[in-house]
Full PDB file with SEQRES, HELIX, SHEET, SSBOND, CRYST1, ORIGX, SCALE, CONECT and MASTER records, all heavy atoms in Angstrom:
SEQRES   1 A   33  SER ASP ALA LEU LEU GLY MET ILE PRO ALA ALA THR ILE          
SEQRES   2 A   33  GLU ALA VAL LEU SER THR ASN LEU THR GLY SER ILE TYR          
SEQRES   3 A   33  HIS LEU GLN GLU ALA SER ARG                                  
HELIX    1 AA1 ALA A   10  LEU A   17  1                                   8    
HELIX    2 AA2 SER A   18  THR A   22  3                                   5    
HELIX    3 AA3 GLY A   23  SER A   32  1                                  10    
CRYST1    1.000    1.000    1.000  90.00  90.00  90.00 P 1           1          
ORIGX1      1.000000  0.000000  0.000000        0.00000                         
ORIGX2      0.000000  1.000000  0.000000        0.00000                         
ORIGX3      0.000000  0.000000  1.000000        0.00000                         
SCALE1      1.000000  0.000000  0.000000        0.00000                         
SCALE2      0.000000  1.000000  0.000000        0.00000                         
SCALE3      0.000000  0.000000  1.000000        0.00000                         
ATOM      1  N   SER A   1       1.133   8.567   4.989  1.00  0.00           N  
ATOM      2  CA  SER A   1      -0.004   9.442   5.258  1.00  0.00           C  
ATOM      3  C   SER A   1      -0.504   9.152   6.667  1.00  0.00           C  
ATOM      4  O   SER A   1      -0.992   8.066   6.942  1.00  0.00           O  
ATOM      5  CB  SER A   1      -1.123   9.215   4.231  1.00  0.00           C  
ATOM      6  OG  SER A   1      -2.187  10.107   4.440  1.00  0.00           O  
ATOM      7  N   ASP A   2      -0.344  10.131   7.556  1.00  0.00           N  
ATOM      8  CA  ASP A   2      -0.744   9.950   8.954  1.00  0.00           C  
ATOM      9  C   ASP A   2      -2.235  10.249   9.142  1.00  0.00           C  
ATOM     10  O   ASP A   2      -2.759  11.194   8.554  1.00  0.00           O  
ATOM     11  CB  ASP A   2       0.045  10.884   9.859  1.00  0.00           C  
ATOM     12  CG  ASP A   2       1.518  10.508   9.959  1.00  0.00           C  
ATOM     13  OD1 ASP A   2       1.926   9.569   9.258  1.00  0.00           O  
ATOM     14  OD2 ASP A   2       2.236  11.151  10.745  1.00  0.00           O  
ATOM     15  N   ALA A   3      -2.888   9.460   9.952  1.00  0.00           N  
ATOM     16  CA  ALA A   3      -4.279   9.731  10.331  1.00  0.00           C  
ATOM     17  C   ALA A   3      -4.647   8.817  11.486  1.00  0.00           C  
ATOM     18  O   ALA A   3      -4.208   7.663  11.553  1.00  0.00           O  
ATOM     19  CB  ALA A   3      -5.232   9.501   9.159  1.00  0.00           C  
ATOM     20  N   LEU A   4      -5.428   9.341  12.418  1.00  0.00           N  
ATOM     21  CA  LEU A   4      -5.860   8.549  13.556  1.00  0.00           C  
ATOM     22  C   LEU A   4      -6.958   7.571  13.140  1.00  0.00           C  
ATOM     23  O   LEU A   4      -7.742   7.843  12.220  1.00  0.00           O  
ATOM     24  CB  LEU A   4      -6.378   9.460  14.659  1.00  0.00           C  
ATOM     25  CG  LEU A   4      -5.335  10.372  15.314  1.00  0.00           C  
ATOM     26  CD1 LEU A   4      -6.028  11.358  16.250  1.00  0.00           C  
ATOM     27  CD2 LEU A   4      -4.290   9.554  16.054  1.00  0.00           C  
ATOM     28  N   LEU A   5      -7.017   6.443  13.827  1.00  0.00           N  
ATOM     29  CA  LEU A   5      -8.054   5.458  13.559  1.00  0.00           C  
ATOM     30  C   LEU A   5      -9.434   6.086  13.717  1.00  0.00           C  
ATOM     31  O   LEU A   5      -9.682   6.866  14.644  1.00  0.00           O  
ATOM     32  CB  LEU A   5      -7.901   4.271  14.500  1.00  0.00           C  
ATOM     33  CG  LEU A   5      -6.689   3.375  14.236  1.00  0.00           C  
ATOM     34  CD1 LEU A   5      -6.480   2.409  15.389  1.00  0.00           C  
ATOM     35  CD2 LEU A   5      -6.850   2.620  12.922  1.00  0.00           C  
ATOM     36  N   GLY A   6     -10.319   5.731  12.809  1.00  0.00           N  
ATOM     37  CA  GLY A   6     -11.653   6.321  12.785  1.00  0.00           C  
ATOM     38  C   GLY A   6     -11.741   7.524  11.880  1.00  0.00           C  
ATOM     39  O   GLY A   6     -12.838   8.012  11.600  1.00  0.00           O  
ATOM     40  N   MET A   7     -10.572   8.012  11.415  1.00  0.00           N  
ATOM     41  CA  MET A   7     -10.539   9.201  10.563  1.00  0.00           C  
ATOM     42  C   MET A   7      -9.712   8.961   9.299  1.00  0.00           C  
ATOM     43  O   MET A   7      -9.269   9.903   8.643  1.00  0.00           O  
ATOM     44  CB  MET A   7      -9.960  10.381  11.345  1.00  0.00           C  
ATOM     45  CG  MET A   7     -10.731  10.720  12.607  1.00  0.00           C  
ATOM     46  SD  MET A   7      -9.953  12.033  13.587  1.00  0.00           S  
ATOM     47  CE  MET A   7     -10.084  13.418  12.451  1.00  0.00           C  
ATOM     48  N   ILE A   8      -9.486   7.692   8.953  1.00  0.00           N  
ATOM     49  CA  ILE A   8      -8.648   7.372   7.802  1.00  0.00           C  
ATOM     50  C   ILE A   8      -9.526   7.170   6.572  1.00  0.00           C  
ATOM     51  O   ILE A   8     -10.328   6.227   6.534  1.00  0.00           O  
ATOM     52  CB  ILE A   8      -7.820   6.101   8.057  1.00  0.00           C  
ATOM     53  CG1 ILE A   8      -7.075   6.201   9.390  1.00  0.00           C  
ATOM     54  CG2 ILE A   8      -6.830   5.873   6.913  1.00  0.00           C  
ATOM     55  CD1 ILE A   8      -6.393   4.912   9.803  1.00  0.00           C  
ATOM     56  N   PRO A   9      -9.403   8.003   5.554  1.00  0.00           N  
ATOM     57  CA  PRO A   9     -10.198   7.829   4.335  1.00  0.00           C  
ATOM     58  C   PRO A   9      -9.851   6.530   3.624  1.00  0.00           C  
ATOM     59  O   PRO A   9      -8.693   6.080   3.647  1.00  0.00           O  
ATOM     60  CB  PRO A   9      -9.809   9.042   3.476  1.00  0.00           C  
ATOM     61  CG  PRO A   9      -9.186  10.018   4.424  1.00  0.00           C  
ATOM     62  CD  PRO A   9      -8.542   9.199   5.486  1.00  0.00           C  
ATOM     63  N   ALA A  10     -10.837   5.949   2.975  1.00  0.00           N  
ATOM     64  CA  ALA A  10     -10.608   4.706   2.232  1.00  0.00           C  
ATOM     65  C   ALA A  10      -9.556   4.894   1.150  1.00  0.00           C  
ATOM     66  O   ALA A  10      -8.742   3.994   0.889  1.00  0.00           O  
ATOM     67  CB  ALA A  10     -11.925   4.218   1.620  1.00  0.00           C  
ATOM     68  N   ALA A  11      -9.553   6.073   0.533  1.00  0.00           N  
ATOM     69  CA  ALA A  11      -8.581   6.334  -0.527  1.00  0.00           C  
ATOM     70  C   ALA A  11      -7.149   6.316   0.010  1.00  0.00           C  
ATOM     71  O   ALA A  11      -6.219   5.881  -0.681  1.00  0.00           O  
ATOM     72  CB  ALA A  11      -8.873   7.686  -1.181  1.00  0.00           C  
ATOM     73  N   THR A  12      -6.976   6.782   1.238  1.00  0.00           N  
ATOM     74  CA  THR A  12      -5.650   6.760   1.857  1.00  0.00           C  
ATOM     75  C   THR A  12      -5.194   5.334   2.122  1.00  0.00           C  
ATOM     76  O   THR A  12      -4.032   4.977   1.863  1.00  0.00           O  
ATOM     77  CB  THR A  12      -5.666   7.548   3.176  1.00  0.00           C  
ATOM     78  OG1 THR A  12      -5.944   8.922   2.892  1.00  0.00           O  
ATOM     79  CG2 THR A  12      -4.328   7.439   3.900  1.00  0.00           C  
ATOM     80  N   ILE A  13      -6.090   4.505   2.634  1.00  0.00           N  
ATOM     81  CA  ILE A  13      -5.762   3.096   2.882  1.00  0.00           C  
ATOM     82  C   ILE A  13      -5.324   2.425   1.589  1.00  0.00           C  
ATOM     83  O   ILE A  13      -4.292   1.736   1.541  1.00  0.00           O  
ATOM     84  CB  ILE A  13      -6.968   2.356   3.495  1.00  0.00           C  
ATOM     85  CG1 ILE A  13      -7.335   2.965   4.848  1.00  0.00           C  
ATOM     86  CG2 ILE A  13      -6.679   0.864   3.638  1.00  0.00           C  
ATOM     87  CD1 ILE A  13      -8.626   2.436   5.441  1.00  0.00           C  
ATOM     88  N   GLU A  14      -6.086   2.654   0.539  1.00  0.00           N  
ATOM     89  CA  GLU A  14      -5.782   2.044  -0.757  1.00  0.00           C  
ATOM     90  C   GLU A  14      -4.443   2.527  -1.290  1.00  0.00           C  
ATOM     91  O   GLU A  14      -3.616   1.734  -1.761  1.00  0.00           O  
ATOM     92  CB  GLU A  14      -6.895   2.371  -1.755  1.00  0.00           C  
ATOM     93  CG  GLU A  14      -6.619   1.950  -3.186  1.00  0.00           C  
ATOM     94  CD  GLU A  14      -6.510   0.449  -3.360  1.00  0.00           C  
ATOM     95  OE1 GLU A  14      -7.074  -0.296  -2.522  1.00  0.00           O  
ATOM     96  OE2 GLU A  14      -5.858   0.005  -4.326  1.00  0.00           O  
ATOM     97  N   ALA A  15      -4.196   3.830  -1.218  1.00  0.00           N  
ATOM     98  CA  ALA A  15      -2.965   4.387  -1.774  1.00  0.00           C  
ATOM     99  C   ALA A  15      -1.728   3.876  -1.044  1.00  0.00           C  
ATOM    100  O   ALA A  15      -0.728   3.507  -1.668  1.00  0.00           O  
ATOM    101  CB  ALA A  15      -3.018   5.919  -1.711  1.00  0.00           C  
ATOM    102  N   VAL A  16      -1.790   3.850   0.290  1.00  0.00           N  
ATOM    103  CA  VAL A  16      -0.626   3.432   1.075  1.00  0.00           C  
ATOM    104  C   VAL A  16      -0.336   1.941   0.894  1.00  0.00           C  
ATOM    105  O   VAL A  16       0.806   1.536   0.666  1.00  0.00           O  
ATOM    106  CB  VAL A  16      -0.822   3.772   2.563  1.00  0.00           C  
ATOM    107  CG1 VAL A  16       0.296   3.173   3.411  1.00  0.00           C  
ATOM    108  CG2 VAL A  16      -0.868   5.287   2.765  1.00  0.00           C  
ATOM    109  N   LEU A  17      -1.366   1.122   0.989  1.00  0.00           N  
ATOM    110  CA  LEU A  17      -1.156  -0.323   0.855  1.00  0.00           C  
ATOM    111  C   LEU A  17      -0.750  -0.709  -0.569  1.00  0.00           C  
ATOM    112  O   LEU A  17       0.110  -1.574  -0.759  1.00  0.00           O  
ATOM    113  CB  LEU A  17      -2.424  -1.078   1.263  1.00  0.00           C  
ATOM    114  CG  LEU A  17      -2.783  -1.030   2.753  1.00  0.00           C  
ATOM    115  CD1 LEU A  17      -4.074  -1.788   3.016  1.00  0.00           C  
ATOM    116  CD2 LEU A  17      -1.666  -1.592   3.615  1.00  0.00           C  
ATOM    117  N   SER A  18      -1.345  -0.073  -1.566  1.00  0.00           N  
ATOM    118  CA  SER A  18      -1.028  -0.452  -2.946  1.00  0.00           C  
ATOM    119  C   SER A  18       0.397  -0.073  -3.323  1.00  0.00           C  
ATOM    120  O   SER A  18       1.060  -0.799  -4.076  1.00  0.00           O  
ATOM    121  CB  SER A  18      -2.022   0.189  -3.927  1.00  0.00           C  
ATOM    122  OG  SER A  18      -1.911   1.597  -3.913  1.00  0.00           O  
ATOM    123  N   THR A  19       0.879   1.035  -2.796  1.00  0.00           N  
ATOM    124  CA  THR A  19       2.258   1.446  -3.102  1.00  0.00           C  
ATOM    125  C   THR A  19       3.263   0.698  -2.248  1.00  0.00           C  
ATOM    126  O   THR A  19       4.218   0.096  -2.760  1.00  0.00           O  
ATOM    127  CB  THR A  19       2.428   2.963  -2.891  1.00  0.00           C  
ATOM    128  OG1 THR A  19       1.551   3.666  -3.766  1.00  0.00           O  
ATOM    129  CG2 THR A  19       3.865   3.383  -3.172  1.00  0.00           C  
ATOM    130  N   ASN A  20       3.069   0.722  -0.942  1.00  0.00           N  
ATOM    131  CA  ASN A  20       4.080   0.189  -0.026  1.00  0.00           C  
ATOM    132  C   ASN A  20       4.148  -1.328  -0.006  1.00  0.00           C  
ATOM    133  O   ASN A  20       5.238  -1.906   0.100  1.00  0.00           O  
ATOM    134  CB  ASN A  20       3.821   0.684   1.396  1.00  0.00           C  
ATOM    135  CG  ASN A  20       3.949   2.191   1.526  1.00  0.00           C  
ATOM    136  OD1 ASN A  20       4.204   2.883   0.552  1.00  0.00           O  
ATOM    137  ND2 ASN A  20       3.760   2.688   2.725  1.00  0.00           N  
ATOM    138  N   LEU A  21       3.001  -1.982  -0.086  1.00  0.00           N  
ATOM    139  CA  LEU A  21       2.988  -3.442   0.044  1.00  0.00           C  
ATOM    140  C   LEU A  21       2.718  -4.154  -1.275  1.00  0.00           C  
ATOM    141  O   LEU A  21       3.520  -4.979  -1.711  1.00  0.00           O  
ATOM    142  CB  LEU A  21       1.953  -3.865   1.090  1.00  0.00           C  
ATOM    143  CG  LEU A  21       1.858  -5.360   1.369  1.00  0.00           C  
ATOM    144  CD1 LEU A  21       3.219  -5.952   1.733  1.00  0.00           C  
ATOM    145  CD2 LEU A  21       0.835  -5.634   2.464  1.00  0.00           C  
ATOM    146  N   THR A  22       1.602  -3.824  -1.925  1.00  0.00           N  
ATOM    147  CA  THR A  22       1.283  -4.502  -3.183  1.00  0.00           C  
ATOM    148  C   THR A  22       2.375  -4.272  -4.217  1.00  0.00           C  
ATOM    149  O   THR A  22       2.795  -5.202  -4.911  1.00  0.00           O  
ATOM    150  CB  THR A  22      -0.073  -4.011  -3.728  1.00  0.00           C  
ATOM    151  OG1 THR A  22      -1.081  -4.199  -2.735  1.00  0.00           O  
ATOM    152  CG2 THR A  22      -0.453  -4.774  -4.988  1.00  0.00           C  
ATOM    153  N   GLY A  23       2.863  -3.035  -4.308  1.00  0.00           N  
ATOM    154  CA  GLY A  23       3.929  -2.743  -5.259  1.00  0.00           C  
ATOM    155  C   GLY A  23       5.191  -3.537  -4.973  1.00  0.00           C  
ATOM    156  O   GLY A  23       5.871  -4.002  -5.895  1.00  0.00           O  
ATOM    157  N   SER A  24       5.506  -3.708  -3.697  1.00  0.00           N  
ATOM    158  CA  SER A  24       6.685  -4.504  -3.328  1.00  0.00           C  
ATOM    159  C   SER A  24       6.513  -5.961  -3.747  1.00  0.00           C  
ATOM    160  O   SER A  24       7.466  -6.607  -4.203  1.00  0.00           O  
ATOM    161  CB  SER A  24       6.924  -4.424  -1.818  1.00  0.00           C  
ATOM    162  OG  SER A  24       7.293  -3.118  -1.436  1.00  0.00           O  
ATOM    163  N   ILE A  25       5.298  -6.479  -3.593  1.00  0.00           N  
ATOM    164  CA  ILE A  25       5.030  -7.862  -4.008  1.00  0.00           C  
ATOM    165  C   ILE A  25       5.159  -8.001  -5.517  1.00  0.00           C  
ATOM    166  O   ILE A  25       5.775  -8.953  -6.019  1.00  0.00           O  
ATOM    167  CB  ILE A  25       3.640  -8.309  -3.528  1.00  0.00           C  
ATOM    168  CG1 ILE A  25       3.575  -8.339  -2.001  1.00  0.00           C  
ATOM    169  CG2 ILE A  25       3.290  -9.694  -4.091  1.00  0.00           C  
ATOM    170  CD1 ILE A  25       2.180  -8.564  -1.440  1.00  0.00           C  
ATOM    171  N   TYR A  26       4.581  -7.050  -6.261  1.00  0.00           N  
ATOM    172  CA  TYR A  26       4.688  -7.089  -7.728  1.00  0.00           C  
ATOM    173  C   TYR A  26       6.150  -7.160  -8.152  1.00  0.00           C  
ATOM    174  O   TYR A  26       6.537  -7.994  -8.990  1.00  0.00           O  
ATOM    175  CB  TYR A  26       4.053  -5.841  -8.339  1.00  0.00           C  
ATOM    176  CG  TYR A  26       2.546  -5.795  -8.340  1.00  0.00           C  
ATOM    177  CD1 TYR A  26       1.881  -4.575  -8.472  1.00  0.00           C  
ATOM    178  CD2 TYR A  26       1.775  -6.945  -8.227  1.00  0.00           C  
ATOM    179  CE1 TYR A  26       0.497  -4.503  -8.483  1.00  0.00           C  
ATOM    180  CE2 TYR A  26       0.389  -6.882  -8.234  1.00  0.00           C  
ATOM    181  CZ  TYR A  26      -0.241  -5.657  -8.363  1.00  0.00           C  
ATOM    182  OH  TYR A  26      -1.606  -5.587  -8.384  1.00  0.00           O  
ATOM    183  N   HIS A  27       6.964  -6.262  -7.594  1.00  0.00           N  
ATOM    184  CA  HIS A  27       8.364  -6.210  -8.007  1.00  0.00           C  
ATOM    185  C   HIS A  27       9.142  -7.433  -7.548  1.00  0.00           C  
ATOM    186  O   HIS A  27       9.969  -7.974  -8.302  1.00  0.00           O  
ATOM    187  CB  HIS A  27       9.013  -4.925  -7.480  1.00  0.00           C  
ATOM    188  CG  HIS A  27       8.871  -3.775  -8.421  1.00  0.00           C  
ATOM    189  ND1 HIS A  27       9.715  -3.545  -9.477  1.00  0.00           N  
ATOM    190  CD2 HIS A  27       7.946  -2.777  -8.466  1.00  0.00           C  
ATOM    191  CE1 HIS A  27       9.337  -2.474 -10.131  1.00  0.00           C  
ATOM    192  NE2 HIS A  27       8.266  -1.983  -9.542  1.00  0.00           N  
ATOM    193  N   LEU A  28       8.903  -7.874  -6.329  1.00  0.00           N  
ATOM    194  CA  LEU A  28       9.622  -9.053  -5.846  1.00  0.00           C  
ATOM    195  C   LEU A  28       9.305 -10.271  -6.703  1.00  0.00           C  
ATOM    196  O   LEU A  28      10.204 -11.061  -7.043  1.00  0.00           O  
ATOM    197  CB  LEU A  28       9.270  -9.315  -4.383  1.00  0.00           C  
ATOM    198  CG  LEU A  28      10.105 -10.380  -3.678  1.00  0.00           C  
ATOM    199  CD1 LEU A  28      10.290 -10.034  -2.207  1.00  0.00           C  
ATOM    200  CD2 LEU A  28       9.467 -11.763  -3.781  1.00  0.00           C  
ATOM    201  N   GLN A  29       8.060 -10.406  -7.075  1.00  0.00           N  
ATOM    202  CA  GLN A  29       7.668 -11.558  -7.878  1.00  0.00           C  
ATOM    203  C   GLN A  29       8.345 -11.547  -9.248  1.00  0.00           C  
ATOM    204  O   GLN A  29       8.898 -12.563  -9.700  1.00  0.00           O  
ATOM    205  CB  GLN A  29       6.145 -11.577  -8.041  1.00  0.00           C  
ATOM    206  CG  GLN A  29       5.616 -12.790  -8.780  1.00  0.00           C  
ATOM    207  CD  GLN A  29       4.139 -13.012  -8.532  1.00  0.00           C  
ATOM    208  OE1 GLN A  29       3.768 -13.928  -7.809  1.00  0.00           O  
ATOM    209  NE2 GLN A  29       3.307 -12.160  -9.120  1.00  0.00           N  
ATOM    210  N   GLU A  30       8.309 -10.390  -9.931  1.00  0.00           N  
ATOM    211  CA  GLU A  30       8.940 -10.304 -11.251  1.00  0.00           C  
ATOM    212  C   GLU A  30      10.460 -10.447 -11.150  1.00  0.00           C  
ATOM    213  O   GLU A  30      11.090 -11.100 -11.989  1.00  0.00           O  
ATOM    214  CB  GLU A  30       8.581  -8.973 -11.918  1.00  0.00           C  
ATOM    215  CG  GLU A  30       7.106  -8.793 -12.225  1.00  0.00           C  
ATOM    216  CD  GLU A  30       6.569  -9.846 -13.178  1.00  0.00           C  
ATOM    217  OE1 GLU A  30       7.312 -10.274 -14.089  1.00  0.00           O  
ATOM    218  OE2 GLU A  30       5.397 -10.242 -13.020  1.00  0.00           O  
ATOM    219  N   ALA A  31      11.052  -9.834 -10.117  1.00  0.00           N  
ATOM    220  CA  ALA A  31      12.505  -9.925  -9.950  1.00  0.00           C  
ATOM    221  C   ALA A  31      12.933 -11.361  -9.693  1.00  0.00           C  
ATOM    222  O   ALA A  31      13.957 -11.826 -10.224  1.00  0.00           O  
ATOM    223  CB  ALA A  31      12.961  -9.032  -8.804  1.00  0.00           C  
ATOM    224  N   SER A  32      12.173 -12.077  -8.880  1.00  0.00           N  
ATOM    225  CA  SER A  32      12.552 -13.455  -8.557  1.00  0.00           C  
ATOM    226  C   SER A  32      12.515 -14.337  -9.803  1.00  0.00           C  
ATOM    227  O   SER A  32      13.335 -15.255  -9.941  1.00  0.00           O  
ATOM    228  CB  SER A  32      11.639 -14.020  -7.469  1.00  0.00           C  
ATOM    229  OG  SER A  32      10.310 -14.174  -7.935  1.00  0.00           O  
ATOM    230  N   ARG A  33      11.581 -14.068 -10.701  1.00  0.00           N  
ATOM    231  CA  ARG A  33      11.546 -14.828 -11.960  1.00  0.00           C  
ATOM    232  C   ARG A  33      12.800 -14.578 -12.782  1.00  0.00           C  
ATOM    233  O   ARG A  33      13.421 -15.517 -13.319  1.00  0.00           O  
ATOM    234  CB  ARG A  33      10.309 -14.434 -12.782  1.00  0.00           C  
ATOM    235  CG  ARG A  33       8.982 -14.915 -12.229  1.00  0.00           C  
ATOM    236  CD  ARG A  33       7.900 -14.754 -13.272  1.00  0.00           C  
ATOM    237  NE  ARG A  33       6.594 -15.115 -12.765  1.00  0.00           N  
ATOM    238  CZ  ARG A  33       5.591 -14.270 -12.571  1.00  0.00           C  
ATOM    239  NH1 ARG A  33       5.763 -12.991 -12.838  1.00  0.00           N  
ATOM    240  NH2 ARG A  33       4.428 -14.680 -12.111  1.00  0.00           N  
TER     241      ARG A  33                                                      
MASTER        0    0    0    3    0    0    0    6  240    1    0    3          
END                                                                             
């Protein structure tokens, strides 16, 4: 989701980070176990 700084909705920040990064951590952790 593209947006210039100062115009990024909080919901966009949450959605992008939770899918791209947090989700990767969740899966990596379970896979490593």
